[in-house]
Amino acid sequence: MKKTNQYTEHSFECTPLSLNELTTLEGGSIYGDLAYLFGATLRCFREFTKTAAEYQASLPPSLKK
């Protein structure tokens, strides 16, 4: 008996998702996207201020503002 890959024995049909499926997939909510954007912006601001503070602390006293 010859072994074959199970996926070669079946044909897969790809159909486009309906509008309802597209909006419910992965939450599909604009509020979730906005919350993610807000959180990412806050993280970027935090990293920027942390890096700026570390850089300012690393300067010699004559160059500190």
Foldseek 3Di string as FASTA:
>chain_A
DDDDDPVVVDDDDDDDDDPVCCCPPPPNDVVVVVVVVVVVVVVVVVVVVVVVVVVLVPDDPVPHD
